[in-house]
Protein backbone atom coordinates (compact mmCIF):
# COMPACT_ATOMS: atom_id res chain seq x y z
CA MET A 1 31.65 -66.23 -22.24
CA GLN A 2 31.48 -63.59 -19.69
CA ASN A 3 32.33 -61.18 -22.63
CA LYS A 4 29.30 -62.04 -24.48
CA LYS A 5 27.28 -61.63 -21.18
CA LYS A 6 28.33 -58.20 -20.99
CA GLU A 7 27.56 -57.70 -24.30
CA SER A 8 24.38 -58.88 -23.80
CA ILE A 9 23.24 -56.83 -20.90
CA PHE A 10 24.64 -53.73 -22.65
CA ARG A 11 22.65 -54.25 -25.77
CA ASN A 12 19.76 -55.04 -23.86
CA LEU A 13 19.83 -52.04 -21.78
CA ASP A 14 16.81 -49.75 -22.27
CA TRP A 15 18.75 -46.65 -23.70
CA PRO A 16 15.77 -44.48 -24.03
CA ILE A 17 15.36 -44.42 -20.53
CA VAL A 18 19.08 -44.00 -19.51
CA LEU A 19 19.43 -41.13 -22.05
CA LEU A 20 15.93 -39.24 -20.87
CA ALA A 21 17.04 -39.45 -17.12
CA LEU A 22 20.69 -38.38 -17.89
CA GLY A 23 19.23 -35.48 -20.07
CA LEU A 24 16.86 -34.59 -17.14
CA VAL A 25 19.63 -34.42 -14.70
CA LEU A 26 21.82 -32.34 -17.14
CA PHE A 27 19.19 -30.00 -17.47
CA GLY A 28 18.86 -30.08 -13.79
CA PHE A 29 22.62 -28.80 -13.36
CA VAL A 30 21.79 -26.01 -15.68
CA ALA A 31 18.57 -25.01 -13.67
CA ILE A 32 20.21 -25.16 -10.47
CA ALA A 33 22.94 -23.08 -11.63
CA ASN A 34 20.34 -20.76 -12.75
CA ALA A 35 18.22 -20.44 -9.72
CA THR A 36 21.17 -20.12 -7.30
CA LEU A 37 23.27 -17.49 -9.28
CA GLN A 38 24.31 -14.40 -7.59
CA PRO A 39 22.66 -11.25 -8.86
CA LEU A 40 24.27 -10.02 -12.30
CA THR A 41 25.53 -6.37 -12.55
CA GLY A 42 25.54 -6.05 -16.35
CA ASP A 43 29.63 -6.04 -16.31
CA GLU A 44 30.08 -9.49 -16.99
CA GLN A 45 31.98 -9.56 -20.50
CA SER A 46 32.02 -13.49 -21.01
CA LEU A 47 30.55 -16.78 -19.96
CA ALA A 48 33.28 -17.37 -17.56
CA ASP A 49 32.57 -14.16 -15.63
CA ILE A 50 28.75 -15.41 -15.16
CA PHE A 51 30.20 -18.91 -14.13
CA GLU A 52 32.07 -17.20 -11.30
CA LYS A 53 28.79 -16.02 -9.95
CA VAL A 54 27.31 -19.65 -9.76
CA ASN A 55 26.80 -21.17 -6.61
CA TRP A 56 29.38 -23.86 -6.94
CA PRO A 57 29.32 -25.85 -3.65
CA THR A 58 25.34 -26.35 -4.32
CA LEU A 59 26.12 -27.70 -7.78
CA ARG A 60 29.05 -29.67 -6.76
CA SER A 61 27.06 -31.29 -4.12
CA GLN A 62 24.43 -32.38 -6.58
CA MET A 63 27.07 -33.67 -9.25
CA LEU A 64 28.12 -35.81 -6.00
CA PHE A 65 24.66 -37.27 -5.51
CA PHE A 66 24.57 -37.84 -9.15
CA GLY A 67 27.32 -39.85 -9.22
CA ILE A 68 26.52 -41.81 -5.82
CA GLY A 69 22.81 -42.53 -7.51
CA THR A 70 24.49 -43.66 -10.76
CA ALA A 71 26.70 -46.42 -8.87
CA GLY A 72 23.66 -47.19 -6.80
CA ALA A 73 21.84 -47.91 -10.29
CA VAL A 74 24.52 -49.58 -11.64
CA ALA A 75 24.88 -51.72 -8.71
CA ILE A 76 21.16 -52.77 -8.46
CA CYS A 77 21.50 -53.69 -12.27
CA CYS A 78 24.32 -56.29 -11.31
CA PHE A 79 21.62 -58.33 -9.00
CA ASP A 80 18.85 -60.60 -9.84
CA ILE A 81 15.79 -58.16 -9.36
CA HIS A 82 14.20 -60.85 -7.54
CA LEU A 83 16.50 -60.89 -4.74
CA PHE A 84 15.46 -57.63 -3.44
CA GLY A 85 11.93 -59.22 -3.20
CA ARG A 86 13.57 -62.01 -0.86
CA PHE A 87 14.87 -59.67 1.28
CA SER A 88 12.02 -56.89 1.09
CA ASN A 89 11.30 -57.38 4.92
CA ALA A 90 14.67 -56.52 5.85
CA LEU A 91 14.93 -53.24 3.70
CA MET A 92 11.42 -52.48 5.00
CA ALA A 93 12.51 -52.67 8.70
CA LEU A 94 15.61 -50.86 8.02
CA ALA A 95 13.42 -48.09 6.44
CA VAL A 96 11.37 -47.76 9.13
CA LEU A 97 14.11 -47.79 11.70
CA LEU A 98 15.55 -44.93 9.94
CA LEU A 99 12.20 -43.26 10.02
CA ALA A 100 11.92 -43.59 13.83
CA LEU A 101 15.64 -42.76 14.40
CA VAL A 102 15.15 -39.43 12.59
CA LEU A 103 12.62 -38.31 14.84
CA THR A 104 15.46 -37.89 17.44
CA GLN A 105 17.13 -35.29 15.28
CA PRO A 106 17.16 -31.61 15.78
CA PRO A 107 14.36 -29.79 13.44
CA ILE A 108 15.42 -28.41 10.19
CA ASN A 109 12.71 -25.89 8.74
CA ASN A 110 10.24 -26.98 11.35
CA SER A 111 10.31 -30.65 10.19
CA ARG A 112 12.33 -33.64 11.66
CA SER A 113 12.96 -35.08 8.26
CA TRP A 114 16.67 -35.31 7.74
CA PHE A 115 19.92 -36.88 9.34
CA LYS A 116 22.69 -34.13 9.17
CA ILE A 117 25.83 -35.54 7.87
CA THR A 118 27.68 -32.31 7.56
CA GLU A 119 27.11 -28.58 7.88
CA THR A 120 26.17 -28.67 4.04
CA MET A 121 24.83 -32.23 3.47
CA THR A 122 21.68 -33.92 4.97
CA PHE A 123 19.94 -37.43 4.64
CA GLN A 124 16.26 -37.82 4.43
CA PRO A 125 15.33 -41.47 4.97
CA SER A 126 11.78 -41.21 3.69
CA GLU A 127 13.31 -40.79 0.33
CA VAL A 128 15.12 -44.04 0.07
CA GLY A 129 12.04 -45.61 2.01
CA LYS A 130 10.25 -45.07 -0.91
CA LEU A 131 12.38 -47.99 -2.98
CA ALA A 132 11.79 -50.13 0.62
CA LEU A 133 8.15 -49.82 0.08
CA ILE A 134 7.92 -50.40 -3.69
CA VAL A 135 9.93 -53.94 -3.25
CA ALA A 136 7.84 -54.94 -0.22
CA LEU A 137 4.62 -54.33 -1.82
CA ALA A 138 5.43 -55.84 -5.19
CA HIS A 139 6.75 -58.91 -3.53
CA ARG A 140 3.56 -59.29 -1.22
CA MET A 141 1.15 -58.43 -4.14
CA SER A 142 2.64 -61.05 -6.32
CA ARG A 143 3.07 -63.89 -3.83
CA GLY A 144 -0.63 -65.64 -4.51
CA GLU A 145 -1.88 -67.07 -7.56
CA LYS A 146 -4.13 -64.24 -8.22
CA PRO A 147 -3.96 -60.49 -7.38
CA PRO A 148 -5.50 -59.44 -3.97
CA SER A 149 -9.33 -59.83 -4.51
CA ARG A 150 -10.60 -59.69 -0.91
CA VAL A 151 -11.08 -56.98 1.89
CA ILE A 152 -8.75 -59.21 4.02
CA ASP A 153 -5.93 -58.91 1.28
CA LEU A 154 -6.18 -55.44 1.13
CA LEU A 155 -6.16 -55.42 5.12
CA LYS A 156 -2.96 -57.24 5.27
CA LEU A 157 -0.95 -55.08 2.90
CA LEU A 158 -2.19 -51.79 4.79
CA PRO A 159 0.38 -52.05 7.68
CA TRP A 160 3.11 -51.71 5.08
CA LEU A 161 1.82 -48.43 4.10
CA LEU A 162 0.65 -47.01 7.50
CA VAL A 163 3.51 -47.62 9.42
CA PRO A 164 5.77 -45.51 7.35
CA VAL A 165 3.29 -42.91 6.45
CA GLY A 166 2.66 -42.65 10.26
CA LEU A 167 6.46 -41.93 11.07
CA ILE A 168 6.70 -39.46 8.26
CA ALA A 169 3.37 -37.82 9.34
CA ILE A 170 4.93 -37.11 12.66
CA GLN A 171 7.64 -35.56 11.39
CA PRO A 172 5.69 -33.80 9.99
CA ASP A 173 6.23 -34.28 5.77
CA TYR A 174 3.13 -34.46 4.39
CA GLY A 175 4.31 -34.65 0.97
CA SER A 176 6.25 -37.64 1.54
CA ALA A 177 3.18 -39.18 2.99
CA LEU A 178 1.19 -38.35 0.13
CA VAL A 179 3.87 -40.03 -2.51
CA TYR A 180 3.98 -43.30 -0.19
CA THR A 181 -0.02 -43.11 -0.25
CA PHE A 182 -0.29 -42.55 -4.23
CA THR A 183 2.59 -45.18 -4.92
CA PHE A 184 0.29 -47.62 -2.67
CA ILE A 185 -2.70 -46.66 -4.84
CA GLY A 186 -0.87 -47.29 -8.32
CA MET A 187 0.56 -50.33 -7.17
CA LEU A 188 -2.68 -51.57 -6.09
CA PHE A 189 -4.67 -50.56 -9.44
CA MET A 190 -1.51 -52.04 -11.34
CA SER A 191 -2.02 -55.50 -9.55
CA GLY A 192 -5.09 -56.46 -11.33
CA MET A 193 -7.22 -56.36 -8.26
CA SER A 194 -11.21 -55.89 -8.65
CA ILE A 195 -12.11 -52.70 -9.58
CA LYS A 196 -15.14 -52.88 -6.94
CA LEU A 197 -12.45 -53.49 -4.17
CA PHE A 198 -10.24 -50.62 -5.68
CA ILE A 199 -13.27 -48.22 -5.85
CA GLY A 200 -13.94 -49.13 -2.18
CA PHE A 201 -10.58 -48.56 -0.80
CA LEU A 202 -10.55 -45.06 -2.63
CA SER A 203 -13.80 -44.15 -1.00
CA SER A 204 -12.38 -45.39 2.60
CA CYS A 205 -9.44 -43.01 2.11
CA ALA A 206 -11.70 -40.08 1.32
CA LEU A 207 -13.72 -40.67 4.61
CA THR A 208 -10.59 -40.63 6.42
CA VAL A 209 -9.81 -36.65 5.28
CA VAL A 210 -12.01 -35.15 7.85
CA PRO A 211 -10.42 -36.74 11.02
CA LEU A 212 -6.92 -36.23 9.46
CA TRP A 213 -7.62 -32.48 9.07
CA PHE A 214 -8.12 -32.01 12.86
CA LEU A 215 -4.56 -34.00 13.30
CA MET A 216 -2.75 -31.48 10.94
CA PRO A 217 -0.52 -28.68 12.26
CA ALA A 218 -1.62 -25.11 11.90
CA ARG A 219 0.96 -24.68 9.12
CA ALA A 220 -0.26 -27.61 7.04
CA GLN A 221 -4.19 -26.46 7.59
CA GLU A 222 -3.28 -22.80 6.45
CA ARG A 223 -1.58 -23.92 3.06
CA ILE A 224 -4.61 -25.91 2.26
CA LEU A 225 -6.78 -23.04 3.07
CA VAL A 226 -4.83 -20.40 1.01
CA PHE A 227 -5.06 -23.18 -2.03
CA LEU A 228 -9.12 -23.12 -1.42
CA ASN A 229 -8.78 -19.26 -1.22
CA LEU A 230 -10.14 -19.57 2.45
CA SER A 231 -7.12 -17.77 4.09
CA SER A 232 -4.67 -15.18 3.15
CA SER A 233 -2.14 -15.82 5.19
CA SER A 234 0.98 -13.67 4.02
CA ALA A 235 3.70 -16.26 4.39
CA SER A 236 1.83 -18.86 2.17
CA VAL A 237 0.25 -16.51 -0.26
CA TYR A 238 3.90 -15.09 -0.90
CA GLN A 239 4.89 -18.63 -1.95
CA THR A 240 2.65 -19.33 -4.47
CA GLU A 241 1.54 -16.20 -5.86
CA HIS A 242 5.34 -15.39 -6.65
CA ALA A 243 6.03 -18.59 -7.97
CA ARG A 244 3.21 -17.98 -10.21
CA ILE A 245 4.29 -14.54 -11.54
CA ALA A 246 7.69 -15.94 -12.02
CA VAL A 247 6.16 -18.76 -14.45
CA GLY A 248 3.82 -16.09 -16.15
CA SER A 249 7.01 -13.76 -16.57
CA GLY A 250 8.69 -15.92 -18.85
CA GLN A 251 5.83 -15.87 -21.43
CA PHE A 252 5.98 -18.14 -24.61
CA TRP A 253 9.87 -18.14 -25.43
CA GLY A 254 11.08 -17.26 -22.07
CA LYS A 255 13.88 -15.05 -20.49
CA GLY A 256 16.78 -17.18 -21.04
CA PHE A 257 19.00 -18.72 -18.48
CA PHE A 258 21.53 -16.48 -16.62
CA THR A 259 19.67 -13.18 -17.29
CA LYS A 260 20.05 -10.11 -15.71
CA GLY A 261 17.12 -8.57 -14.10
CA ALA A 262 15.27 -12.05 -14.02
CA LEU A 263 12.99 -12.60 -10.78
CA SER A 264 15.35 -15.52 -9.69
CA GLN A 265 18.17 -12.73 -9.61
CA LEU A 266 15.81 -10.81 -7.32
CA ASN A 267 15.42 -13.66 -4.64
CA TYR A 268 11.72 -12.97 -5.54
CA VAL A 269 10.82 -16.81 -5.17
CA PRO A 270 11.29 -18.78 -1.97
CA GLU A 271 13.33 -22.01 -2.05
CA LYS A 272 14.09 -21.45 -5.91
CA HIS A 273 16.33 -24.20 -6.03
CA ASN A 274 14.56 -27.35 -4.60
CA ASP A 275 10.83 -27.15 -3.97
CA PHE A 276 10.00 -23.98 -6.56
CA ILE A 277 12.77 -24.63 -9.20
CA PHE A 278 10.28 -25.23 -11.89
CA SER A 279 8.70 -21.63 -11.37
CA VAL A 280 12.34 -20.12 -12.19
CA THR A 281 13.12 -22.55 -14.84
CA ALA A 282 9.77 -21.71 -16.27
CA GLU A 283 10.86 -17.94 -16.38
CA ALA A 284 13.63 -19.09 -18.19
CA ILE A 285 12.40 -21.40 -20.80
CA GLY A 286 9.09 -20.00 -21.19
CA PHE A 287 5.64 -22.14 -22.02
CA PHE A 288 7.43 -23.65 -25.10
CA GLY A 289 10.36 -25.24 -23.32
CA CYS A 290 7.98 -26.04 -20.24
CA VAL A 291 6.16 -28.03 -22.95
CA LEU A 292 9.42 -29.77 -23.66
CA LEU A 293 10.08 -30.62 -20.42
CA VAL A 294 6.69 -31.87 -19.66
CA ALA A 295 6.92 -34.16 -22.80
CA ALA A 296 10.40 -35.25 -21.64
CA PHE A 297 8.86 -36.76 -18.42
CA ALA A 298 5.99 -38.22 -20.37
CA LEU A 299 7.86 -39.83 -22.74
CA LEU A 300 10.16 -41.45 -19.48
CA PHE A 301 6.84 -42.67 -18.13
CA TRP A 302 5.59 -44.02 -21.49
CA ARG A 303 8.92 -46.14 -21.62
CA MET A 304 8.70 -47.33 -18.23
CA LEU A 305 5.37 -48.51 -18.61
CA ARG A 306 6.59 -50.20 -21.76
CA VAL A 307 9.12 -52.08 -19.89
CA ALA A 308 6.23 -52.84 -17.18
CA SER A 309 3.87 -54.39 -20.15
CA VAL A 310 6.49 -56.77 -21.23
CA ALA A 311 7.65 -57.94 -17.99
CA GLN A 312 8.01 -61.81 -17.30
CA ASP A 313 5.85 -61.62 -14.00
CA ARG A 314 3.67 -59.68 -11.67
CA TYR A 315 6.21 -58.94 -9.41
CA THR A 316 8.72 -57.22 -11.98
CA ARG A 317 5.63 -55.51 -13.30
CA LEU A 318 4.69 -54.13 -10.00
CA ILE A 319 8.05 -52.81 -9.19
CA VAL A 320 8.13 -50.69 -12.33
CA SER A 321 4.58 -49.48 -11.81
CA GLY A 322 5.53 -48.47 -8.60
CA VAL A 323 8.58 -46.48 -9.69
CA VAL A 324 6.23 -44.57 -12.30
CA SER A 325 3.49 -44.11 -9.45
CA MET A 326 6.07 -42.78 -7.15
CA MET A 327 7.87 -40.07 -9.97
CA LEU A 328 4.30 -39.29 -11.52
CA PHE A 329 3.08 -37.84 -8.33
CA HIS A 330 6.27 -36.10 -7.92
CA VAL A 331 6.10 -34.39 -11.41
CA PHE A 332 2.43 -33.57 -11.03
CA GLU A 333 2.38 -32.05 -7.72
CA ASN A 334 5.23 -29.91 -8.05
CA ILE A 335 4.44 -28.35 -11.12
CA ALA A 336 0.75 -27.98 -10.01
CA MET A 337 1.86 -26.38 -6.79
CA ASN A 338 4.06 -24.01 -8.75
CA ILE A 339 1.08 -22.92 -10.85
CA GLY A 340 -1.38 -22.77 -8.01
CA LEU A 341 -3.18 -25.89 -8.96
CA MET A 342 -2.37 -27.92 -5.69
CA PRO A 343 -1.42 -26.88 -2.35
CA VAL A 344 2.21 -26.21 -1.46
CA THR A 345 3.76 -29.54 0.17
CA GLY A 346 7.02 -29.28 -0.67
CA ILE A 347 7.68 -32.01 -3.11
CA PRO A 348 10.90 -32.00 -5.35
CA LEU A 349 10.81 -32.02 -9.28
CA PRO A 350 12.57 -35.25 -10.01
CA PHE A 351 16.01 -35.02 -11.48
CA ILE A 352 15.59 -31.21 -11.46
CA SER A 353 15.38 -30.03 -7.86
CA ALA A 354 18.64 -29.66 -5.68
CA GLY A 355 18.76 -32.25 -3.07
CA GLY A 356 20.94 -35.75 -2.59
CA SER A 357 18.22 -37.87 -1.24
CA ASN A 358 15.79 -37.51 -4.03
CA LEU A 359 18.23 -37.62 -6.45
CA ILE A 360 20.06 -40.67 -5.70
CA THR A 361 16.36 -42.17 -5.07
CA ASN A 362 15.13 -41.46 -8.48
CA LEU A 363 18.25 -42.61 -9.89
CA MET A 364 18.43 -45.97 -8.13
CA ALA A 365 14.57 -46.35 -9.05
CA ILE A 366 15.60 -45.86 -12.77
CA GLY A 367 18.07 -48.96 -11.84
CA LEU A 368 15.11 -51.19 -10.60
CA VAL A 369 13.30 -50.28 -13.86
CA LEU A 370 16.26 -51.30 -16.19
CA ASN A 371 16.96 -54.33 -14.04
CA ALA A 372 13.42 -55.47 -14.64
CA LYS A 373 14.08 -55.03 -18.39
CA LEU A 374 17.35 -56.97 -18.39
CA ARG A 375 16.70 -59.75 -16.06
CA LYS A 376 13.99 -62.91 -16.65
CA PRO A 377 12.58 -64.73 -13.39
CA PRO A 378 14.16 -67.68 -12.44
CA LYS A 379 12.14 -71.25 -12.76
CA GLY A 380 9.72 -71.60 -9.93
CA VAL A 381 10.47 -68.11 -8.19
CA PHE A 382 7.47 -65.83 -8.81
CA ASP A 383 6.87 -67.43 -12.06
CA LEU A 384 3.17 -66.06 -12.64
CA PRO A 385 1.83 -65.54 -15.92
CA ALA A 386 1.00 -61.80 -17.15
CA PRO A 387 -2.60 -61.21 -16.83
């Protein structure tokens, strides 16, 4: 009986999602190796000579995080997805506690966003907090017989967003704050709430832009002004201009990975292994390769939305919708800031950028989506019909 159950789980697993996520991670390993490669001299006789110049500590760390994230995804698939909803209060409380405690840490890159575990390893609580937010919002939006339809329903949900976003803004990490906000908006839209209330909420968000501007530190204001061509600060312009030059230098087919004289070899692009990894990767794979990369992300999101469309209840559908909203904003913002279409916010590219907390979070999010496909809700628990 137990063997039949294992076979059923193995057969019902959404393999396209698994293979797409795995393919993106493996591609990310190559991209990180290319971005962190020591300058080539032209004397390299074989691939082994090139591999000797790879930054193996960074690559090994990413592989370790991949293993941890995969184990987390497998563990998530072993439990009923509705169990996480029952413990959503505790999960969110833990996330908020970690976001408060991280403010006591010494700053790294002018931000108190990380716990320093070792000299080379850090933990960013705002990343895993995204999963707690998704589960908590899905739990609350699915508790009633109807989707949120009144202003009071919306006001009851807002503290679950504003408390973590407020703590993240203090760090400051406006990129992550935007991810939380966009995830909240995406889940509201997918909850089936009235369009009138949804538009009213978006209008209210737009009205907060002016007061929030005066609360931002000068560095964040500067990045926005540079994006709007209202400032020519050398530091911010350097990042965006050099990233765009790297993208353009790849032309249609790209220069190839591990190429001597590439801009990534000259340390021309800042933060080239995490925030700006798309620019140095675009130089290697060209426009054609970038189209394929974006298509892989689009196919992954489409496949996850298919899981949401056949979900057995609103809670499960909202969890998948939250995961899609979170990853979609990451992909859009990272690529857009690399080509100058959005301000620089320091948001990594999912599965590709170096960074343990983000990779673990995305893999565990994939675990939630796979779980949503595997399991049906128990009788009487969030047993709500699909709209």
